[in-house]
């Protein structure tokens, strides 16, 4: 087996361990990945996070309930604790703070939590406001701790107006905040109509889009 195939086999197995909430196996699998020379970032993104993304699909399809999701999250967190000391770069190496939350009226958290995890791995400082977050809560947090990007998630079309209200209210109070939106009910056309600066269909794209937005912020700061 080639090194590339071996790496893929290990990453797939780690994803499966998360999906099967096999907490007893995650330590050994992460150690095997480390010993095989796989980048810890890749283990997180293409092993742990990939598994959790599949868990989100199983939950949305009602094959998994809250208890199973929580068990999977325990495995994810255990793996993260093993790998984080070996992750390249440092917290906020992008020199950019993102305030993230699921919008008011929506209590879905799995997708948002995966995006948060991957943003942190990508070098962003992330403040997570949780789920069912009101416009006032976003404004209060930004006034208290500042921020460069507001990341909004919603799974339901019925809460798209909540997303719009947050963007409008933040814009009324701040002039230099950028908005990154996503979720099952959000399309690029919707994002444009909402007045968002960035849009992503999944967690991987969210990181790439956030990095582009962070570069825009950095360029404007030096003008």
N, C-alpha and C. Protein backbone atom coordinates (compact mmCIF):
# COMPACT_ATOMS: atom_id res chain seq x y z
N UNK A 1 0.84 -1.20 0.00
CA UNK A 1 0.00 0.00 0.00
C UNK A 1 0.88 1.25 0.00
N UNK A 2 0.58 2.18 -0.91
CA UNK A 2 1.36 3.41 -0.98
C UNK A 2 1.09 4.26 0.25
N UNK A 3 2.00 5.23 0.50
CA UNK A 3 1.83 6.12 1.65
C UNK A 3 0.52 6.90 1.53
N UNK A 4 0.19 7.32 0.29
CA UNK A 4 -1.04 8.08 0.07
C UNK A 4 -2.27 7.24 0.38
N UNK A 5 -2.26 6.00 -0.08
CA UNK A 5 -3.39 5.12 0.19
C UNK A 5 -3.50 4.78 1.67
N UNK A 6 -2.34 4.60 2.31
CA UNK A 6 -2.35 4.31 3.74
C UNK A 6 -2.92 5.47 4.52
N UNK A 7 -2.53 6.68 4.13
CA UNK A 7 -3.04 7.87 4.82
C UNK A 7 -4.55 7.96 4.66
N UNK A 8 -5.05 7.72 3.46
CA UNK A 8 -6.48 7.78 3.21
C UNK A 8 -7.22 6.72 4.02
N UNK A 9 -6.61 5.55 4.12
CA UNK A 9 -7.23 4.47 4.89
C UNK A 9 -7.35 4.85 6.37
N UNK A 10 -6.30 5.46 6.90
CA UNK A 10 -6.32 5.86 8.31
C UNK A 10 -7.34 6.98 8.53
N UNK A 11 -7.37 7.96 7.63
CA UNK A 11 -8.32 9.07 7.78
C UNK A 11 -9.76 8.58 7.67
N UNK A 12 -10.01 7.66 6.75
CA UNK A 12 -11.36 7.10 6.61
C UNK A 12 -11.76 6.34 7.87
N UNK A 13 -10.80 5.63 8.45
CA UNK A 13 -11.09 4.86 9.66
C UNK A 13 -11.40 5.80 10.83
N UNK A 14 -10.66 6.92 10.91
CA UNK A 14 -10.92 7.89 11.97
C UNK A 14 -12.33 8.49 11.81
N UNK A 15 -12.69 8.79 10.56
CA UNK A 15 -14.04 9.30 10.31
C UNK A 15 -15.09 8.28 10.75
N UNK A 16 -14.84 7.01 10.44
CA UNK A 16 -15.78 5.95 10.82
C UNK A 16 -15.87 5.80 12.35
N UNK A 17 -14.74 5.99 13.03
CA UNK A 17 -14.74 5.90 14.49
C UNK A 17 -15.63 6.98 15.09
N UNK A 18 -15.58 8.19 14.51
CA UNK A 18 -16.46 9.27 14.96
C UNK A 18 -17.91 8.90 14.71
N UNK A 19 -18.19 8.42 13.50
CA UNK A 19 -19.57 8.08 13.12
C UNK A 19 -20.14 6.99 14.02
N UNK A 20 -19.29 6.03 14.37
CA UNK A 20 -19.75 4.90 15.20
C UNK A 20 -19.61 5.18 16.69
N UNK A 21 -19.26 6.42 17.04
CA UNK A 21 -18.98 6.87 18.41
C UNK A 21 -18.22 5.82 19.23
N UNK A 22 -17.09 5.39 18.61
CA UNK A 22 -16.23 4.37 19.22
C UNK A 22 -15.09 5.07 19.97
N UNK A 23 -15.41 5.60 21.13
CA UNK A 23 -14.44 6.42 21.87
C UNK A 23 -13.19 5.64 22.28
N UNK A 24 -13.34 4.33 22.48
CA UNK A 24 -12.20 3.53 22.92
C UNK A 24 -11.12 3.40 21.84
N UNK A 25 -11.49 3.65 20.58
CA UNK A 25 -10.54 3.45 19.48
C UNK A 25 -9.86 4.71 18.99
N UNK A 26 -10.36 5.89 19.39
CA UNK A 26 -9.87 7.12 18.79
C UNK A 26 -8.43 7.43 19.17
N UNK A 27 -8.02 7.13 20.40
CA UNK A 27 -6.64 7.42 20.83
C UNK A 27 -5.63 6.70 19.94
N UNK A 28 -5.85 5.41 19.77
CA UNK A 28 -4.91 4.60 18.98
C UNK A 28 -4.90 5.03 17.52
N UNK A 29 -6.07 5.38 16.98
CA UNK A 29 -6.14 5.78 15.58
C UNK A 29 -5.42 7.10 15.35
N UNK A 30 -5.58 8.06 16.27
CA UNK A 30 -4.87 9.34 16.14
C UNK A 30 -3.37 9.15 16.26
N UNK A 31 -2.96 8.26 17.17
CA UNK A 31 -1.53 7.98 17.32
C UNK A 31 -0.99 7.33 16.06
N UNK A 32 -1.77 6.44 15.45
CA UNK A 32 -1.34 5.80 14.21
C UNK A 32 -1.16 6.83 13.10
N UNK A 33 -2.10 7.78 13.03
CA UNK A 33 -1.99 8.84 12.03
C UNK A 33 -0.75 9.68 12.27
N UNK A 34 -0.48 10.01 13.53
CA UNK A 34 0.70 10.80 13.88
C UNK A 34 1.98 10.04 13.51
N UNK A 35 2.03 8.74 13.84
CA UNK A 35 3.20 7.92 13.54
C UNK A 35 3.42 7.76 12.04
N UNK A 36 2.31 7.81 11.27
CA UNK A 36 2.40 7.67 9.82
C UNK A 36 2.81 8.97 9.14
N UNK A 37 2.97 10.03 9.93
CA UNK A 37 3.42 11.30 9.37
C UNK A 37 2.33 12.12 8.73
N UNK A 38 1.07 11.81 9.02
CA UNK A 38 -0.03 12.58 8.46
C UNK A 38 -0.13 13.91 9.20
N UNK A 39 -0.26 14.99 8.45
CA UNK A 39 -0.39 16.32 9.03
C UNK A 39 -1.58 16.34 9.99
N UNK A 40 -1.39 16.77 11.24
CA UNK A 40 -2.50 16.82 12.20
C UNK A 40 -3.69 17.64 11.70
N UNK A 41 -3.42 18.69 10.91
CA UNK A 41 -4.51 19.46 10.33
C UNK A 41 -5.38 18.58 9.44
N UNK A 42 -4.73 17.71 8.65
CA UNK A 42 -5.47 16.81 7.77
C UNK A 42 -6.25 15.78 8.56
N UNK A 43 -5.68 15.33 9.69
CA UNK A 43 -6.40 14.37 10.53
C UNK A 43 -7.68 15.00 11.06
N UNK A 44 -7.59 16.26 11.44
CA UNK A 44 -8.76 16.96 11.96
C UNK A 44 -9.78 17.20 10.85
N UNK A 45 -9.32 17.73 9.71
CA UNK A 45 -10.24 18.12 8.65
C UNK A 45 -10.83 16.92 7.91
N UNK A 46 -9.96 15.96 7.56
CA UNK A 46 -10.39 14.85 6.70
C UNK A 46 -10.65 13.56 7.46
N UNK A 47 -10.43 13.60 8.77
CA UNK A 47 -10.77 12.46 9.61
C UNK A 47 -11.89 12.82 10.55
N UNK A 48 -11.58 13.59 11.59
CA UNK A 48 -12.57 13.94 12.61
C UNK A 48 -13.74 14.75 12.05
N UNK A 49 -13.43 15.86 11.38
CA UNK A 49 -14.50 16.73 10.88
C UNK A 49 -15.31 16.05 9.78
N UNK A 50 -14.64 15.28 8.93
CA UNK A 50 -15.39 14.56 7.88
C UNK A 50 -16.38 13.59 8.50
N UNK A 51 -15.95 12.90 9.56
CA UNK A 51 -16.86 12.00 10.26
C UNK A 51 -18.03 12.75 10.85
N UNK A 52 -17.76 13.91 11.46
CA UNK A 52 -18.84 14.67 12.08
C UNK A 52 -19.79 15.25 11.05
N UNK A 53 -19.29 15.58 9.88
CA UNK A 53 -20.17 16.04 8.81
C UNK A 53 -21.16 14.94 8.42
N UNK A 54 -20.66 13.70 8.37
CA UNK A 54 -21.53 12.56 8.08
C UNK A 54 -22.57 12.37 9.20
N UNK A 55 -22.15 12.61 10.43
CA UNK A 55 -23.08 12.53 11.56
C UNK A 55 -24.21 13.55 11.38
N UNK A 56 -23.85 14.74 10.92
CA UNK A 56 -24.86 15.76 10.67
C UNK A 56 -25.88 15.30 9.63
N UNK A 57 -25.41 14.60 8.60
CA UNK A 57 -26.31 14.08 7.57
C UNK A 57 -27.23 13.01 8.16
N UNK A 58 -26.65 12.14 8.99
CA UNK A 58 -27.45 11.10 9.63
C UNK A 58 -28.51 11.70 10.56
N UNK A 59 -28.14 12.78 11.22
CA UNK A 59 -29.09 13.46 12.12
C UNK A 59 -30.21 14.11 11.31
N UNK A 60 -29.84 14.80 10.23
CA UNK A 60 -30.86 15.45 9.41
C UNK A 60 -31.81 14.43 8.80
N UNK A 61 -31.29 13.22 8.51
CA UNK A 61 -32.13 12.16 7.96
C UNK A 61 -32.85 11.35 9.02
N UNK A 62 -32.73 11.79 10.28
CA UNK A 62 -33.41 11.16 11.42
C UNK A 62 -32.94 9.73 11.67
N UNK A 63 -31.73 9.41 11.16
CA UNK A 63 -31.14 8.10 11.48
C UNK A 63 -30.43 8.14 12.83
N UNK A 64 -29.96 9.32 13.20
CA UNK A 64 -29.36 9.54 14.50
C UNK A 64 -30.20 10.56 15.26
N UNK A 65 -30.27 10.37 16.58
CA UNK A 65 -30.93 11.35 17.43
C UNK A 65 -29.89 12.13 18.22
N UNK A 66 -30.35 12.99 19.12
CA UNK A 66 -29.45 13.80 19.94
C UNK A 66 -28.47 12.94 20.74
N UNK A 67 -28.90 11.83 21.37
CA UNK A 67 -27.94 11.03 22.15
C UNK A 67 -26.76 10.53 21.31
N UNK A 68 -27.03 10.05 20.09
CA UNK A 68 -25.95 9.57 19.23
C UNK A 68 -25.03 10.72 18.81
N UNK A 69 -25.62 11.86 18.50
CA UNK A 69 -24.82 13.02 18.10
C UNK A 69 -23.88 13.44 19.22
N UNK A 70 -24.38 13.44 20.45
CA UNK A 70 -23.55 13.82 21.59
C UNK A 70 -22.41 12.83 21.80
N UNK A 71 -22.68 11.55 21.61
CA UNK A 71 -21.62 10.54 21.73
C UNK A 71 -20.56 10.73 20.66
N UNK A 72 -20.99 11.04 19.44
CA UNK A 72 -20.04 11.31 18.35
C UNK A 72 -19.21 12.55 18.65
N UNK A 73 -19.86 13.56 19.22
CA UNK A 73 -19.15 14.79 19.58
C UNK A 73 -18.09 14.53 20.65
N UNK A 74 -18.39 13.60 21.56
CA UNK A 74 -17.39 13.23 22.58
C UNK A 74 -16.14 12.64 21.94
N UNK A 75 -16.34 11.80 20.92
CA UNK A 75 -15.20 11.21 20.22
C UNK A 75 -14.42 12.29 19.48
N UNK A 76 -15.15 13.18 18.82
CA UNK A 76 -14.51 14.30 18.11
C UNK A 76 -13.66 15.13 19.06
N UNK A 77 -14.21 15.49 20.21
CA UNK A 77 -13.48 16.33 21.16
C UNK A 77 -12.26 15.60 21.74
N UNK A 78 -12.40 14.31 21.96
CA UNK A 78 -11.26 13.55 22.47
C UNK A 78 -10.12 13.53 21.44
N UNK A 79 -10.48 13.32 20.19
CA UNK A 79 -9.47 13.36 19.14
C UNK A 79 -8.83 14.73 19.01
N UNK A 80 -9.65 15.78 19.13
CA UNK A 80 -9.12 17.14 19.04
C UNK A 80 -8.12 17.41 20.15
N UNK A 81 -8.42 16.94 21.35
CA UNK A 81 -7.50 17.15 22.48
C UNK A 81 -6.16 16.47 22.25
N UNK A 82 -6.18 15.36 21.54
CA UNK A 82 -4.93 14.65 21.22
C UNK A 82 -4.13 15.41 20.17
N UNK A 83 -4.83 15.95 19.18
CA UNK A 83 -4.16 16.51 18.00
C UNK A 83 -3.79 17.99 18.14
N UNK A 84 -4.56 18.75 18.91
CA UNK A 84 -4.35 20.20 18.96
C UNK A 84 -2.92 20.61 19.31
N UNK A 85 -2.25 19.93 20.25
CA UNK A 85 -0.87 20.34 20.55
C UNK A 85 0.09 20.21 19.36
N UNK A 86 -0.30 19.43 18.36
CA UNK A 86 0.58 19.20 17.21
C UNK A 86 0.15 19.98 15.97
N UNK A 87 -0.93 20.76 16.09
CA UNK A 87 -1.43 21.50 14.94
C UNK A 87 -0.48 22.64 14.60
N UNK A 88 -0.19 22.79 13.30
CA UNK A 88 0.70 23.85 12.84
C UNK A 88 0.03 25.21 13.01
N UNK A 89 0.83 26.20 13.31
CA UNK A 89 0.31 27.55 13.49
C UNK A 89 -0.24 27.73 14.89
N UNK A 90 -0.63 28.92 15.19
CA UNK A 90 -1.14 29.23 16.52
C UNK A 90 -2.53 29.82 16.40
N UNK A 91 -3.21 29.90 17.53
CA UNK A 91 -4.54 30.50 17.55
C UNK A 91 -4.48 31.92 17.03
N UNK A 92 -5.43 32.26 16.17
CA UNK A 92 -5.54 33.59 15.58
C UNK A 92 -4.32 33.97 14.75
N UNK A 93 -3.70 32.98 14.12
CA UNK A 93 -2.58 33.29 13.24
C UNK A 93 -3.04 34.09 12.02
N UNK A 94 -4.36 34.06 11.74
CA UNK A 94 -4.90 34.87 10.65
C UNK A 94 -5.12 36.32 11.09
N UNK A 95 -4.94 36.59 12.39
CA UNK A 95 -5.14 37.94 12.93
C UNK A 95 -6.54 38.45 12.59
N UNK A 96 -7.52 37.58 12.82
CA UNK A 96 -8.90 37.90 12.45
C UNK A 96 -9.84 37.21 13.43
N UNK A 97 -10.80 37.97 13.97
CA UNK A 97 -11.77 37.39 14.90
C UNK A 97 -13.11 37.21 14.20
N UNK A 98 -13.68 36.02 14.37
CA UNK A 98 -14.99 35.71 13.79
C UNK A 98 -15.98 35.45 14.91
N UNK A 99 -17.11 36.13 14.85
CA UNK A 99 -18.21 35.89 15.78
C UNK A 99 -19.25 35.05 15.04
N UNK A 100 -19.52 33.85 15.56
CA UNK A 100 -20.36 32.90 14.84
C UNK A 100 -21.58 32.53 15.67
N UNK A 101 -22.68 32.23 14.98
CA UNK A 101 -23.87 31.78 15.69
C UNK A 101 -24.94 31.31 14.72
N UNK A 102 -25.82 30.44 15.21
CA UNK A 102 -27.02 30.05 14.47
C UNK A 102 -28.10 31.08 14.78
N UNK A 103 -28.79 31.53 13.76
CA UNK A 103 -29.65 32.71 13.90
C UNK A 103 -30.90 32.43 14.74
N UNK A 104 -31.51 33.51 15.18
CA UNK A 104 -32.71 33.43 16.02
C UNK A 104 -33.79 32.59 15.34
N UNK A 105 -34.39 31.69 16.12
CA UNK A 105 -35.43 30.82 15.60
C UNK A 105 -34.95 29.46 15.14
N UNK A 106 -33.62 29.27 15.13
CA UNK A 106 -33.03 28.00 14.67
C UNK A 106 -32.11 27.46 15.77
N UNK A 107 -32.35 26.21 16.17
CA UNK A 107 -31.54 25.63 17.25
C UNK A 107 -30.56 24.58 16.73
N UNK A 108 -30.41 24.47 15.40
CA UNK A 108 -29.45 23.51 14.85
C UNK A 108 -28.02 23.97 15.16
N UNK A 109 -27.18 23.03 15.55
CA UNK A 109 -25.83 23.42 15.97
C UNK A 109 -24.72 22.59 15.32
N UNK A 110 -25.03 21.44 14.75
CA UNK A 110 -23.97 20.54 14.28
C UNK A 110 -23.13 21.19 13.20
N UNK A 111 -23.78 21.72 12.15
CA UNK A 111 -23.03 22.34 11.07
C UNK A 111 -22.22 23.52 11.54
N UNK A 112 -22.84 24.35 12.37
CA UNK A 112 -22.15 25.52 12.91
C UNK A 112 -20.94 25.12 13.74
N UNK A 113 -21.09 24.07 14.53
CA UNK A 113 -19.98 23.61 15.37
C UNK A 113 -18.82 23.08 14.54
N UNK A 114 -19.12 22.41 13.43
CA UNK A 114 -18.06 21.92 12.54
C UNK A 114 -17.33 23.09 11.90
N UNK A 115 -18.08 24.09 11.46
CA UNK A 115 -17.46 25.28 10.87
C UNK A 115 -16.57 25.97 11.90
N UNK A 116 -17.05 26.09 13.13
CA UNK A 116 -16.25 26.71 14.18
C UNK A 116 -14.93 25.96 14.37
N UNK A 117 -15.02 24.65 14.45
CA UNK A 117 -13.84 23.81 14.63
C UNK A 117 -12.84 24.04 13.51
N UNK A 118 -13.31 24.03 12.28
CA UNK A 118 -12.41 24.16 11.14
C UNK A 118 -11.84 25.56 11.01
N UNK A 119 -12.61 26.57 11.41
CA UNK A 119 -12.08 27.93 11.42
C UNK A 119 -10.95 28.06 12.43
N UNK A 120 -11.12 27.45 13.59
CA UNK A 120 -10.07 27.49 14.62
C UNK A 120 -8.81 26.80 14.12
N UNK A 121 -8.99 25.65 13.47
CA UNK A 121 -7.84 24.95 12.90
C UNK A 121 -7.18 25.80 11.82
N UNK A 122 -8.01 26.58 11.11
CA UNK A 122 -7.49 27.45 10.05
C UNK A 122 -6.79 28.69 10.55
N UNK A 123 -6.75 28.89 11.88
CA UNK A 123 -5.99 30.01 12.44
C UNK A 123 -6.81 31.22 12.84
N UNK A 124 -8.14 31.08 12.91
CA UNK A 124 -8.99 32.19 13.30
C UNK A 124 -9.32 32.14 14.79
N UNK A 125 -9.47 33.31 15.38
CA UNK A 125 -10.06 33.38 16.71
C UNK A 125 -11.57 33.38 16.53
N UNK A 126 -12.25 32.46 17.20
CA UNK A 126 -13.69 32.30 16.99
C UNK A 126 -14.43 32.47 18.31
N UNK A 127 -15.42 33.34 18.30
CA UNK A 127 -16.33 33.51 19.44
C UNK A 127 -17.67 32.89 19.03
N UNK A 128 -18.07 31.83 19.73
CA UNK A 128 -19.30 31.11 19.40
C UNK A 128 -20.43 31.57 20.31
N UNK A 129 -21.46 32.18 19.74
CA UNK A 129 -22.60 32.65 20.52
C UNK A 129 -23.68 31.58 20.67
N UNK A 130 -23.48 30.43 20.03
CA UNK A 130 -24.44 29.34 20.19
C UNK A 130 -25.55 29.35 19.16
N UNK A 131 -26.74 28.95 19.59
CA UNK A 131 -27.88 28.81 18.70
C UNK A 131 -28.99 29.77 19.12
N UNK A 132 -29.93 30.01 18.18
CA UNK A 132 -31.08 30.87 18.45
C UNK A 132 -30.62 32.25 18.92
N UNK A 133 -29.65 32.82 18.20
CA UNK A 133 -29.01 34.08 18.62
C UNK A 133 -29.74 35.28 18.01
N UNK A 134 -30.10 36.21 18.85
CA UNK A 134 -30.83 37.41 18.40
C UNK A 134 -29.88 38.44 17.81
N UNK A 135 -30.43 39.38 17.02
CA UNK A 135 -29.59 40.47 16.51
C UNK A 135 -28.93 41.27 17.63
N UNK A 136 -29.69 41.53 18.70
CA UNK A 136 -29.14 42.30 19.82
C UNK A 136 -27.94 41.61 20.46
N UNK A 137 -27.99 40.27 20.52
CA UNK A 137 -26.88 39.52 21.12
C UNK A 137 -25.62 39.69 20.28
N UNK A 138 -25.76 39.64 18.96
CA UNK A 138 -24.59 39.86 18.10
C UNK A 138 -24.03 41.26 18.31
N UNK A 139 -24.89 42.26 18.33
CA UNK A 139 -24.44 43.64 18.50
C UNK A 139 -23.74 43.83 19.84
N UNK A 140 -24.34 43.26 20.90
CA UNK A 140 -23.74 43.37 22.23
C UNK A 140 -22.36 42.75 22.28
N UNK A 141 -22.23 41.55 21.68
CA UNK A 141 -20.94 40.86 21.68
C UNK A 141 -19.90 41.67 20.89
N UNK A 142 -20.28 42.22 19.77
CA UNK A 142 -19.35 42.99 18.95
C UNK A 142 -18.92 44.28 19.66
N UNK A 143 -19.83 44.89 20.38
CA UNK A 143 -19.48 46.10 21.13
C UNK A 143 -18.54 45.77 22.28
N UNK A 144 -18.72 44.60 22.86
CA UNK A 144 -17.94 44.21 24.03
C UNK A 144 -16.55 43.72 23.64
N UNK A 145 -16.48 42.88 22.64
CA UNK A 145 -15.21 42.22 22.30
C UNK A 145 -14.74 42.45 20.87
N UNK A 146 -15.45 43.27 20.12
CA UNK A 146 -15.13 43.56 18.72
C UNK A 146 -15.17 42.29 17.87
N UNK A 147 -14.80 42.43 16.62
CA UNK A 147 -14.82 41.31 15.70
C UNK A 147 -14.66 41.82 14.28
N UNK A 148 -14.20 40.96 13.40
CA UNK A 148 -13.98 41.35 12.00
C UNK A 148 -15.02 40.76 11.06
N UNK A 149 -15.43 39.53 11.37
CA UNK A 149 -16.38 38.82 10.52
C UNK A 149 -17.49 38.24 11.40
N UNK A 150 -18.73 38.37 10.94
CA UNK A 150 -19.86 37.70 11.57
C UNK A 150 -20.26 36.54 10.68
N UNK A 151 -20.24 35.33 11.23
CA UNK A 151 -20.61 34.13 10.48
C UNK A 151 -21.97 33.66 10.97
N UNK A 152 -22.92 33.53 10.04
CA UNK A 152 -24.30 33.19 10.37
C UNK A 152 -24.71 31.88 9.71
N UNK A 153 -25.40 31.06 10.47
CA UNK A 153 -25.86 29.77 9.96
C UNK A 153 -27.35 29.60 10.21
N UNK A 154 -28.03 28.98 9.25
CA UNK A 154 -29.40 28.56 9.47
C UNK A 154 -29.71 27.38 8.57
N UNK A 155 -30.50 26.47 9.09
CA UNK A 155 -30.90 25.29 8.33
C UNK A 155 -32.27 25.46 7.70
N UNK A 156 -33.03 26.46 8.14
CA UNK A 156 -34.43 26.55 7.76
C UNK A 156 -34.73 27.82 6.96
N UNK A 157 -35.56 27.68 5.95
CA UNK A 157 -35.95 28.85 5.15
C UNK A 157 -36.76 29.83 5.98
N UNK A 158 -37.44 29.34 7.01
CA UNK A 158 -38.27 30.21 7.84
C UNK A 158 -37.46 31.18 8.67
N UNK A 159 -36.16 30.95 8.80
CA UNK A 159 -35.34 31.84 9.63
C UNK A 159 -34.38 32.69 8.78
N UNK A 160 -34.59 32.70 7.48
CA UNK A 160 -33.74 33.54 6.63
C UNK A 160 -33.94 35.02 6.96
N UNK A 161 -35.15 35.39 7.34
CA UNK A 161 -35.39 36.79 7.70
C UNK A 161 -34.65 37.15 8.99
N UNK A 162 -34.45 36.16 9.87
CA UNK A 162 -33.65 36.42 11.07
C UNK A 162 -32.22 36.75 10.68
N UNK A 163 -31.71 36.05 9.68
CA UNK A 163 -30.36 36.32 9.18
C UNK A 163 -30.27 37.75 8.64
N UNK A 164 -31.30 38.15 7.89
CA UNK A 164 -31.35 39.50 7.33
C UNK A 164 -31.40 40.55 8.44
N UNK A 165 -32.18 40.29 9.48
CA UNK A 165 -32.29 41.24 10.60
C UNK A 165 -30.96 41.42 11.31
N UNK A 166 -30.22 40.33 11.47
CA UNK A 166 -28.91 40.41 12.12
C UNK A 166 -27.96 41.26 11.29
N UNK A 167 -27.92 40.99 9.99
CA UNK A 167 -27.03 41.76 9.11
C UNK A 167 -27.39 43.25 9.15
N UNK A 168 -28.68 43.54 9.08
CA UNK A 168 -29.11 44.95 9.08
C UNK A 168 -28.77 45.64 10.39
N UNK A 169 -29.02 44.96 11.51
CA UNK A 169 -28.79 45.60 12.81
C UNK A 169 -27.30 45.78 13.09
N UNK A 170 -26.50 44.80 12.69
CA UNK A 170 -25.05 44.95 12.87
C UNK A 170 -24.55 46.10 12.01
N UNK A 171 -25.05 46.20 10.77
CA UNK A 171 -24.63 47.28 9.88
C UNK A 171 -25.03 48.65 10.41
N UNK A 172 -26.12 48.72 11.16
CA UNK A 172 -26.55 49.99 11.74
C UNK A 172 -25.60 50.45 12.85
N UNK A 173 -24.88 49.50 13.44
CA UNK A 173 -24.01 49.82 14.58
C UNK A 173 -22.53 49.81 14.23
N UNK A 174 -22.16 49.16 13.12
CA UNK A 174 -20.75 49.05 12.74
C UNK A 174 -20.62 49.26 11.23
N UNK A 175 -19.47 49.75 10.82
CA UNK A 175 -19.29 50.07 9.40
C UNK A 175 -18.29 49.15 8.70
N UNK A 176 -17.55 48.34 9.45
CA UNK A 176 -16.49 47.57 8.81
C UNK A 176 -16.59 46.07 9.06
N UNK A 177 -17.75 45.59 9.46
CA UNK A 177 -17.95 44.16 9.69
C UNK A 177 -18.31 43.47 8.38
N UNK A 178 -17.69 42.31 8.13
CA UNK A 178 -18.04 41.50 6.97
C UNK A 178 -18.90 40.32 7.42
N UNK A 179 -19.72 39.81 6.50
CA UNK A 179 -20.66 38.74 6.85
C UNK A 179 -20.43 37.51 5.97
N UNK A 180 -20.33 36.38 6.65
CA UNK A 180 -20.19 35.08 5.99
C UNK A 180 -21.40 34.24 6.36
N UNK A 181 -22.14 33.74 5.37
CA UNK A 181 -23.38 33.01 5.66
C UNK A 181 -23.35 31.63 5.02
N UNK A 182 -24.13 30.73 5.62
CA UNK A 182 -24.23 29.38 5.09
C UNK A 182 -25.31 28.60 5.83
N UNK A 183 -25.50 27.35 5.41
CA UNK A 183 -26.54 26.52 5.98
C UNK A 183 -27.38 25.91 4.88
N UNK A 184 -28.14 24.90 5.23
CA UNK A 184 -28.89 24.15 4.23
C UNK A 184 -29.87 24.99 3.43
N UNK A 185 -30.41 26.04 4.03
CA UNK A 185 -31.42 26.85 3.35
C UNK A 185 -30.84 28.03 2.59
N UNK A 186 -29.53 28.20 2.63
CA UNK A 186 -28.88 29.38 2.04
C UNK A 186 -28.22 29.02 0.72
N UNK A 187 -28.48 29.81 -0.30
CA UNK A 187 -27.82 29.68 -1.59
C UNK A 187 -27.00 30.94 -1.85
N UNK A 188 -26.18 30.90 -2.89
CA UNK A 188 -25.40 32.10 -3.20
C UNK A 188 -26.31 33.26 -3.57
N UNK A 189 -27.38 32.98 -4.30
CA UNK A 189 -28.31 34.03 -4.66
C UNK A 189 -28.95 34.63 -3.41
N UNK A 190 -29.31 33.76 -2.47
CA UNK A 190 -29.88 34.24 -1.20
C UNK A 190 -28.88 35.10 -0.45
N UNK A 191 -27.63 34.64 -0.41
CA UNK A 191 -26.57 35.38 0.29
C UNK A 191 -26.42 36.78 -0.29
N UNK A 192 -26.47 36.88 -1.61
CA UNK A 192 -26.36 38.19 -2.26
C UNK A 192 -27.53 39.08 -1.88
N UNK A 193 -28.73 38.51 -1.86
CA UNK A 193 -29.92 39.30 -1.52
C UNK A 193 -29.90 39.75 -0.06
N UNK A 194 -29.28 38.93 0.79
CA UNK A 194 -29.18 39.29 2.21
C UNK A 194 -28.14 40.37 2.45
N UNK A 195 -27.27 40.59 1.48
CA UNK A 195 -26.20 41.57 1.65
C UNK A 195 -24.96 41.01 2.29
N UNK A 196 -24.79 39.67 2.21
CA UNK A 196 -23.60 39.04 2.79
C UNK A 196 -22.38 39.26 1.90
N UNK A 197 -21.21 39.23 2.52
CA UNK A 197 -19.95 39.40 1.78
C UNK A 197 -19.38 38.07 1.33
N UNK A 198 -19.75 36.99 2.00
CA UNK A 198 -19.23 35.67 1.66
C UNK A 198 -20.28 34.60 1.87
N UNK A 199 -20.14 33.48 1.14
CA UNK A 199 -21.08 32.38 1.21
C UNK A 199 -20.31 31.07 1.08
N UNK A 200 -20.74 30.05 1.82
CA UNK A 200 -20.08 28.74 1.74
C UNK A 200 -21.13 27.65 1.87
N UNK A 201 -20.94 26.57 1.12
CA UNK A 201 -21.90 25.46 1.16
C UNK A 201 -21.49 24.40 2.18
N UNK A 202 -20.24 24.45 2.63
CA UNK A 202 -19.80 23.47 3.63
C UNK A 202 -18.66 24.09 4.45
N UNK A 203 -18.21 23.32 5.45
CA UNK A 203 -17.22 23.85 6.39
C UNK A 203 -15.88 24.14 5.72
N UNK A 204 -15.48 23.29 4.78
CA UNK A 204 -14.20 23.51 4.09
C UNK A 204 -14.23 24.81 3.30
N UNK A 205 -15.32 25.04 2.58
CA UNK A 205 -15.46 26.28 1.82
C UNK A 205 -15.55 27.49 2.75
N UNK A 206 -16.14 27.30 3.93
CA UNK A 206 -16.25 28.40 4.88
C UNK A 206 -14.88 28.90 5.30
N UNK A 207 -13.95 27.98 5.52
CA UNK A 207 -12.59 28.36 5.90
C UNK A 207 -11.91 29.13 4.76
N UNK A 208 -12.03 28.61 3.54
CA UNK A 208 -11.40 29.27 2.40
C UNK A 208 -12.00 30.66 2.17
N UNK A 209 -13.31 30.76 2.30
CA UNK A 209 -13.97 32.06 2.11
C UNK A 209 -13.55 33.04 3.20
N UNK A 210 -13.46 32.54 4.44
CA UNK A 210 -13.05 33.40 5.55
C UNK A 210 -11.62 33.91 5.35
N UNK A 211 -10.75 33.07 4.81
CA UNK A 211 -9.37 33.49 4.56
C UNK A 211 -9.33 34.60 3.51
N UNK A 212 -10.16 34.50 2.47
CA UNK A 212 -10.22 35.56 1.46
C UNK A 212 -10.71 36.86 2.09
N UNK A 213 -11.72 36.74 2.95
CA UNK A 213 -12.27 37.92 3.60
C UNK A 213 -11.25 38.54 4.54
N UNK A 214 -10.48 37.71 5.25
CA UNK A 214 -9.45 38.21 6.17
C UNK A 214 -8.38 38.98 5.41
N UNK A 215 -8.02 38.50 4.22
CA UNK A 215 -7.03 39.21 3.40
C UNK A 215 -7.56 40.56 2.95
N UNK A 216 -8.85 40.61 2.64
CA UNK A 216 -9.47 41.89 2.27
C UNK A 216 -9.40 42.88 3.42
N UNK A 217 -9.69 42.38 4.63
CA UNK A 217 -9.62 43.24 5.82
C UNK A 217 -8.20 43.76 6.03
N UNK A 218 -7.22 42.87 5.87
CA UNK A 218 -5.82 43.24 6.07
C UNK A 218 -5.39 44.31 5.06
N UNK A 219 -5.80 44.14 3.81
CA UNK A 219 -5.44 45.13 2.78
C UNK A 219 -6.06 46.49 3.09
N UNK A 220 -7.31 46.51 3.53
CA UNK A 220 -7.98 47.77 3.83
C UNK A 220 -7.33 48.46 5.03
N UNK A 221 -6.84 47.67 5.99
CA UNK A 221 -6.19 48.25 7.16
C UNK A 221 -4.89 48.94 6.79
N UNK A 222 -4.28 48.53 5.69
CA UNK A 222 -2.98 49.10 5.30
C UNK A 222 -3.10 50.18 4.24
N UNK A 223 -4.32 50.49 3.85
CA UNK A 223 -4.49 51.55 2.86
C UNK A 223 -4.32 52.93 3.49
